[in-house]
Structures are given as structure tokens and as C-alpha cells.
Protein backbone atom coordinates (compact mmCIF):
# COMPACT_ATOMS: atom_id res chain seq x y z
CA MET A 1 56.31 -10.41 51.61
CA PRO A 2 56.50 -10.05 47.83
CA HIS A 3 54.67 -7.16 46.22
CA PRO A 4 51.93 -7.97 43.71
CA THR A 5 53.08 -7.71 40.16
CA ALA A 6 52.26 -4.30 38.69
CA PRO A 7 50.06 -4.30 35.59
CA GLU A 8 51.88 -4.17 32.32
CA ARG A 9 52.03 -0.61 31.03
CA ALA A 10 51.48 0.45 27.45
CA PRO A 11 54.02 2.89 25.94
CA SER A 12 51.62 5.77 26.54
CA GLY A 13 51.55 5.07 30.25
CA ARG A 14 48.10 3.46 30.17
CA SER A 15 47.53 -0.13 31.20
CA ALA A 16 47.79 -2.54 28.31
CA PRO A 17 44.38 -3.88 27.24
CA ALA A 18 43.45 -7.24 28.65
CA ARG A 19 43.60 -10.13 26.24
CA ARG A 20 40.28 -11.03 24.72
CA ARG A 21 38.91 -14.38 25.60
CA ALA A 22 38.39 -16.66 22.68
CA GLY A 23 34.74 -16.76 21.68
CA ARG A 24 32.69 -19.90 21.23
CA PRO A 25 33.93 -21.58 18.06
CA GLY A 26 31.58 -22.02 15.13
CA HIS A 27 28.63 -19.86 14.14
CA ASP A 28 26.93 -16.97 15.87
CA ALA A 29 23.15 -16.76 16.14
CA GLU A 30 22.78 -14.73 12.94
CA SER A 31 24.81 -17.09 10.78
CA VAL A 32 22.93 -20.10 12.19
CA LEU A 33 19.64 -18.44 11.27
CA ARG A 34 20.88 -17.42 7.82
CA THR A 35 22.06 -20.92 6.92
CA SER A 36 18.98 -22.57 8.42
CA VAL A 37 16.65 -20.38 6.36
CA ARG A 38 18.59 -21.25 3.22
CA VAL A 39 18.17 -24.95 3.95
CA PHE A 40 14.46 -24.51 4.77
CA ASN A 41 13.98 -22.80 1.41
CA GLU A 42 15.88 -25.53 -0.42
CA ARG A 43 14.40 -28.58 1.28
CA GLY A 44 11.17 -27.25 2.76
CA TYR A 45 10.67 -26.75 6.47
CA ASP A 46 8.93 -30.10 7.00
CA GLY A 47 11.62 -31.88 5.02
CA THR A 48 14.49 -30.44 7.05
CA SER A 49 15.77 -32.09 10.23
CA MET A 50 18.09 -30.74 12.87
CA GLU A 51 20.67 -33.17 11.49
CA ASP A 52 20.33 -31.50 8.09
CA LEU A 53 20.91 -28.09 9.65
CA ALA A 54 23.91 -29.27 11.63
CA ARG A 55 25.40 -30.81 8.49
CA ALA A 56 24.89 -27.61 6.48
CA LEU A 57 26.51 -25.57 9.25
CA GLY A 58 29.33 -28.02 9.84
CA VAL A 59 28.59 -28.16 13.56
CA THR A 60 26.92 -30.48 16.05
CA LYS A 61 23.25 -30.15 16.92
CA SER A 62 24.25 -28.97 20.39
CA ALA A 63 25.98 -25.97 18.80
CA ILE A 64 22.64 -24.98 17.24
CA TYR A 65 20.84 -25.50 20.54
CA HIS A 66 23.31 -23.08 22.11
CA HIS A 67 21.52 -20.32 20.14
CA TYR A 68 18.02 -21.68 19.43
CA SER A 69 15.65 -24.12 21.07
CA GLY A 70 15.07 -25.96 17.80
CA LYS A 71 13.59 -25.82 14.32
CA ALA A 72 10.42 -24.06 15.43
CA GLU A 73 12.29 -21.14 16.95
CA LEU A 74 14.44 -20.78 13.84
CA LEU A 75 11.30 -20.68 11.72
CA ARG A 76 9.61 -18.19 14.03
CA ARG A 77 12.60 -15.84 14.05
CA SER A 78 12.73 -15.87 10.25
CA LEU A 79 9.01 -15.33 9.72
CA ASP A 80 8.89 -12.59 12.35
CA ARG A 81 11.77 -10.80 10.65
CA ALA A 82 9.84 -10.71 7.39
CA MET A 83 6.50 -9.72 8.92
CA ASP A 84 7.97 -7.16 11.32
CA ALA A 85 9.68 -5.45 8.39
CA LEU A 86 6.41 -5.34 6.41
CA PHE A 87 4.41 -3.95 9.30
CA ALA A 88 7.13 -1.36 9.90
CA VAL A 89 6.38 -0.04 6.40
CA THR A 90 2.73 0.49 7.36
CA GLU A 91 3.83 2.73 10.23
CA GLU A 92 6.04 5.01 8.14
CA PRO A 93 4.78 8.57 7.51
CA GLY A 94 4.20 7.83 3.83
CA ALA A 95 1.78 5.05 4.81
CA THR A 96 -0.12 7.00 7.45
CA ALA A 97 -0.64 10.47 5.96
CA GLY A 98 -1.83 11.74 2.60
CA ALA A 99 -4.17 10.44 -0.07
CA ALA A 100 -5.07 6.77 0.21
CA ILE A 101 -3.69 5.87 -3.20
CA ASP A 102 -0.37 7.54 -2.37
CA ARG A 103 -0.23 5.63 0.91
CA LEU A 104 -1.01 2.45 -1.00
CA GLU A 105 1.86 3.12 -3.39
CA HIS A 106 4.18 3.81 -0.45
CA VAL A 107 3.28 0.45 1.09
CA LEU A 108 3.84 -1.30 -2.23
CA ARG A 109 7.25 0.32 -2.70
CA GLY A 110 8.20 -0.40 0.88
CA SER A 111 7.19 -4.03 0.46
CA VAL A 112 9.46 -4.35 -2.56
CA ARG A 113 12.28 -2.86 -0.49
CA VAL A 114 11.63 -5.36 2.31
CA LEU A 115 11.60 -8.23 -0.15
CA VAL A 116 14.97 -7.18 -1.56
CA GLU A 117 16.54 -6.62 1.86
CA GLU A 118 15.09 -9.73 3.51
CA LEU A 119 14.73 -11.98 0.48
CA PRO A 120 15.41 -15.38 2.15
CA HIS A 121 13.03 -14.62 5.02
CA VAL A 122 10.26 -13.31 2.75
CA THR A 123 10.71 -16.35 0.50
CA LEU A 124 10.23 -18.63 3.49
CA LEU A 125 7.20 -16.62 4.61
CA LEU A 126 5.54 -17.07 1.23
CA ARG A 127 6.10 -20.84 1.33
CA VAL A 128 4.53 -21.63 4.70
CA ARG A 129 1.29 -23.59 4.56
CA GLY A 130 0.01 -23.47 8.13
CA ASN A 131 1.16 -26.93 9.18
CA THR A 132 2.50 -25.77 12.56
CA PRO A 133 1.46 -23.21 15.19
CA VAL A 134 4.36 -20.97 14.11
CA GLU A 135 3.19 -21.07 10.49
CA ARG A 136 -0.42 -20.41 11.44
CA ARG A 137 0.63 -17.38 13.46
CA ALA A 138 2.57 -16.05 10.45
CA LEU A 139 -0.40 -16.61 8.15
CA LYS A 140 -2.62 -14.72 10.58
CA ARG A 141 -0.24 -11.76 10.46
CA ARG A 142 -0.19 -11.92 6.65
CA ARG A 143 -3.98 -11.68 6.62
CA GLU A 144 -3.78 -8.62 8.87
CA PHE A 145 -1.37 -7.02 6.42
CA ASP A 146 -3.68 -7.89 3.52
CA ARG A 147 -6.59 -6.24 5.32
CA PHE A 148 -4.54 -3.09 5.81
CA VAL A 149 -3.88 -2.95 2.06
CA ALA A 150 -7.50 -3.70 1.18
CA ASP A 151 -8.64 -0.86 3.47
CA LEU A 152 -6.36 1.53 1.58
CA VAL A 153 -7.96 0.42 -1.67
CA ARG A 154 -11.41 1.09 -0.20
CA GLU A 155 -10.33 4.56 0.91
CA GLY A 156 -8.96 5.26 -2.55
CA MET A 157 -12.25 4.20 -4.10
CA ALA A 158 -14.22 6.37 -1.68
CA ASP A 159 -12.24 9.50 -2.52
CA GLY A 160 -12.42 8.81 -6.26
CA ALA A 161 -8.72 8.13 -6.92
CA ILE A 162 -9.22 4.41 -7.57
CA ARG A 163 -11.62 3.12 -10.18
CA PRO A 164 -14.98 2.26 -8.59
CA ASP A 165 -15.28 -1.19 -10.15
CA ALA A 166 -12.21 -2.49 -8.34
CA ASP A 167 -12.79 -5.14 -5.70
CA PRO A 168 -10.63 -4.14 -2.68
CA GLU A 169 -9.65 -7.68 -1.64
CA VAL A 170 -8.95 -8.78 -5.19
CA ALA A 171 -6.99 -5.61 -5.95
CA ALA A 172 -4.89 -6.08 -2.82
CA ARG A 173 -4.12 -9.70 -3.74
CA LEU A 174 -3.26 -8.78 -7.33
CA ILE A 175 -0.96 -5.94 -6.30
CA PHE A 176 0.94 -7.98 -3.77
CA GLY A 177 0.80 -11.05 -5.93
CA MET A 178 3.13 -9.12 -8.23
CA VAL A 179 5.39 -8.24 -5.33
CA ASN A 180 5.42 -11.80 -4.01
CA SER A 181 6.24 -13.24 -7.42
CA LEU A 182 9.60 -11.46 -7.28
CA VAL A 183 10.97 -14.11 -4.92
CA GLU A 184 10.87 -16.62 -7.77
CA TRP A 185 13.29 -14.78 -10.01
CA TYR A 186 14.80 -11.69 -8.39
CA ARG A 187 18.40 -11.98 -7.24
CA PRO A 188 20.10 -9.01 -5.53
CA GLY A 189 23.01 -7.59 -7.46
CA ARG A 190 21.75 -8.87 -10.80
CA GLY A 191 19.91 -6.12 -12.63
CA LEU A 192 17.55 -3.65 -10.99
CA ASP A 193 18.08 -2.35 -7.47
CA ALA A 194 15.21 -2.09 -4.98
CA GLU A 195 14.14 1.41 -6.01
CA ALA A 196 14.13 0.69 -9.74
CA LEU A 197 12.31 -2.58 -9.13
CA ALA A 198 9.67 -0.75 -7.08
CA ASP A 199 9.25 1.74 -9.94
CA GLN A 200 8.48 -1.10 -12.35
CA VAL A 201 6.01 -2.81 -10.03
CA ALA A 202 4.25 0.46 -9.14
CA ALA A 203 3.92 1.41 -12.81
CA ALA A 204 2.38 -1.96 -13.64
CA ALA A 205 0.04 -1.92 -10.65
CA PHE A 206 -1.26 1.62 -10.71
CA THR A 207 -1.72 2.03 -14.45
CA GLY A 208 -4.79 -0.17 -14.21
CA LEU A 209 -5.86 0.85 -10.71
CA ARG A 210 -5.94 4.64 -10.90
CA ARG A 211 -9.11 6.27 -12.11
CA HIS A 212 -8.44 8.28 -15.26
């Protein structure tokens, strides 16, 4: 009876590593999401079909379905990435301890950082109009974030750091209107980095907001 073939030995005496199986050809889940978000931003979510996404990726629709259930899941993953990153800023120590106006500035700076790091996803978030359940859920989360910011403005007014004639909701919208406008012109690697950009936005926002 023949003996089973012994495993091939590496020069060191250890068994040679098994050959890796070839992975599924094409794109992984992250690259599918990245390309899909780019197409959504270029064509609009409503104006993009699964055929458009497959064409941009150079794969069949079934290759996309291997990773995602469809357009709605791609949109949800992108919007959640943006909103999760923003809410993570509100849980950082700089946003939860200290004077209200300092916490407000921390949230503003963190939001600029998120925008720079997740620019395509934040851009898509700012373009949704509530036409689908996924979009309406994202808009609801945006309103929750806005309320968090407005509450910080109220606290700053109560402790005298923020001018008393400021309207909390309006101030919150103006501050983050500046942040949101960055998606229209900011391009990573061209000019200011995230920290320097946050310095500029904070200087513009708080010059008029702080009580002198």
C-alpha cells in the first residue's frame, strides 16, 4: 500500500505555505461603493441605473449584486458613512466637556475633517432630497445633528460666550452652511489641508459669533 505523499518542506524545515486561492475577479465591496458614489454624484442618484453602475465598474450587474442588494443599499452605506463620522465627532471629548463655545468649535473643526476625509460621501449626503426611504432616514439624522449644534449655541448664549442676539437655529445653519459649501470647491491635495481649512472656517464663523 503506497504511503501518502509527505507535505512539501520549506528550506527551514517548515511546511511550505499552501497556495492562495484566486479571489473573485473584479471589484471588492469598497471599490464598488467608491465608484458607485462617484457616479451618483455625477449623474444624481435618481438618474443612475444599475446598468450605469455596471458600465462604470466594467463588470456585470451580477458582480455588483455579489456585494450589495442594489442601488438603495449602496446609497445607504454611503450616507451612513458620512453621518456616522459626523456623529462620532459629537462623542469626542472635545465635544462633550468644556465651555459650550469651545465644544461648538470642536464640532465645527471635526466636521471639516470629516468632509475632507469622506468628501464623496458627504457630497452625496448634501445632495439627497428625501425622495426615497433611505434619503428620508439620512435627512432625519441630519436634523438630529443640527439640533445638537443648535443646543450648543443655546448653551453658549446662556453662559455669555455667544452674543445674545444670535438665533440658535439660524446660527447653526450659517456655521454649517459654510462647512457644507466646501464640497463645491474643495479638492484634497490642492491647497489647504484639513487642519488649515478648519482654521479658516472657524475664524470666519466665530469672529461674528463670540461675544466681545
